[in-house]
């Protein structure tokens, strides 16, 4: 018997990233400016309320890329945000294994997230 995944199964993954990533992403994007946390929170909310799995995974990948670029930043707040993002993204990559369906496409994305 084949298990059919709902298109919303990925929402089981969102609580930690939805809570933690917006502030960290805002810090990584800000550079010398003031982090726009409200904008990142709104983006995360839109993603969870109206997005799809592919958009969610792209958001995680974007966050991981930002973190990789800023990982060795001299600013402790930026380095801390980069480490937090990497931890969350790696955790989400592992949790993808528990979701039904997805096949090869999800496995490719999962490996890319773990590598980021």
Protein backbone atom coordinates (compact mmCIF):
# COMPACT_ATOMS: atom_id res chain seq x y z
CA UNK A 1 0.00 0.00 0.00
CA UNK A 2 1.31 3.42 -0.92
CA UNK A 3 1.05 6.30 1.54
CA UNK A 4 -0.25 9.47 -0.02
CA UNK A 5 1.18 12.68 1.41
CA UNK A 6 -0.97 15.73 1.75
CA UNK A 7 0.39 18.88 0.24
CA UNK A 8 0.40 20.38 3.75
CA UNK A 9 2.49 17.74 5.54
CA UNK A 10 5.44 20.15 5.60
CA UNK A 11 3.56 22.41 8.03
CA UNK A 12 4.47 19.96 10.78
CA UNK A 13 8.04 21.29 10.42
CA UNK A 14 7.37 25.00 10.80
CA UNK A 15 7.09 25.97 14.51
CA UNK A 16 10.77 26.35 15.38
CA UNK A 17 11.82 28.05 12.14
CA UNK A 18 8.78 30.30 12.16
CA UNK A 19 9.67 31.41 15.69
CA UNK A 20 13.46 31.58 15.49
CA UNK A 21 14.52 32.27 11.91
CA UNK A 22 12.99 35.71 11.24
CA UNK A 23 15.12 37.51 13.85
CA UNK A 24 18.26 35.63 12.82
CA UNK A 25 17.66 36.25 9.11
CA UNK A 26 17.04 39.94 9.82
CA UNK A 27 20.40 40.19 11.60
CA UNK A 28 22.16 38.41 8.72
CA UNK A 29 20.57 40.68 6.11
CA UNK A 30 21.07 43.95 8.03
CA UNK A 31 24.78 44.46 7.64
CA UNK A 32 25.39 47.80 9.34
CA UNK A 33 21.69 48.73 9.29
CA UNK A 34 19.07 48.02 11.94
CA UNK A 35 17.61 44.51 11.44
CA UNK A 36 14.07 44.57 10.02
CA UNK A 37 12.67 41.75 12.14
CA UNK A 38 9.04 42.74 11.46
CA UNK A 39 9.55 42.27 7.72
CA UNK A 40 11.05 38.82 8.22
CA UNK A 41 8.25 37.82 10.62
CA UNK A 42 5.66 38.90 8.06
CA UNK A 43 7.47 36.91 5.38
CA UNK A 44 7.52 33.78 7.55
CA UNK A 45 3.83 34.18 8.39
CA UNK A 46 2.91 34.55 4.72
CA UNK A 47 4.93 31.48 3.88
CA UNK A 48 3.25 29.35 6.53
CA UNK A 49 -0.26 30.65 5.88
CA UNK A 50 -0.19 30.74 2.09
CA UNK A 51 2.98 29.05 0.93
CA UNK A 52 3.80 25.61 -0.35
CA UNK A 53 6.46 23.13 0.61
CA UNK A 54 8.75 24.18 -2.24
CA UNK A 55 8.64 27.82 -1.10
CA UNK A 56 9.28 26.80 2.51
CA UNK A 57 12.29 24.72 1.52
CA UNK A 58 13.58 27.55 -0.68
CA UNK A 59 13.27 29.89 2.34
CA UNK A 60 15.31 27.47 4.44
CA UNK A 61 17.93 27.23 1.70
CA UNK A 62 18.10 31.01 1.40
CA UNK A 63 18.57 31.29 5.17
CA UNK A 64 21.32 28.67 5.08
CA UNK A 65 23.09 30.53 2.30
CA UNK A 66 22.96 33.79 4.26
CA UNK A 67 24.34 31.98 7.29
CA UNK A 68 27.19 30.43 5.33
CA UNK A 69 28.27 33.83 4.04
CA UNK A 70 28.18 35.37 7.53
CA UNK A 71 29.43 32.42 9.59
CA UNK A 72 32.86 33.88 10.38
CA UNK A 73 31.72 37.47 10.79
CA UNK A 74 33.58 39.41 13.50
CA UNK A 75 30.33 40.74 14.94
CA UNK A 76 29.27 38.27 17.68
CA UNK A 77 25.55 38.91 17.05
CA UNK A 78 25.93 38.07 13.36
CA UNK A 79 28.01 34.96 14.05
CA UNK A 80 25.46 33.83 16.64
CA UNK A 81 22.60 34.37 14.17
CA UNK A 82 24.49 32.41 11.50
CA UNK A 83 25.05 29.50 13.87
CA UNK A 84 21.40 29.52 14.95
CA UNK A 85 20.24 29.45 11.33
CA UNK A 86 22.57 26.58 10.47
CA UNK A 87 21.37 24.55 13.47
CA UNK A 88 17.72 25.10 12.65
CA UNK A 89 18.15 24.33 8.95
CA UNK A 90 20.07 21.13 9.66
CA UNK A 91 17.40 20.07 12.12
CA UNK A 92 14.70 20.72 9.53
CA UNK A 93 16.64 18.72 6.95
CA UNK A 94 16.63 15.75 9.31
CA UNK A 95 12.93 16.15 10.03
CA UNK A 96 12.16 16.01 6.31
CA UNK A 97 12.97 12.31 6.51
CA UNK A 98 9.88 11.76 8.64
CA UNK A 99 7.43 13.35 6.23
CA UNK A 100 5.40 11.06 4.00
CA UNK A 101 5.97 11.24 0.25
CA UNK A 102 8.27 13.68 -1.45
CA UNK A 103 10.52 11.15 -3.11
CA UNK A 104 13.67 12.14 -4.94
CA UNK A 105 12.83 15.84 -5.13
CA UNK A 106 12.61 16.19 -1.37
CA UNK A 107 15.71 14.06 -0.88
CA UNK A 108 17.73 16.39 -3.15
CA UNK A 109 16.55 19.40 -1.20
CA UNK A 110 17.22 17.68 2.12
CA UNK A 111 20.81 16.91 1.13
CA UNK A 112 21.34 20.50 -0.03
CA UNK A 113 20.04 21.81 3.30
CA UNK A 114 22.31 19.50 5.28
CA UNK A 115 25.31 20.59 3.21
CA UNK A 116 24.59 24.31 3.62
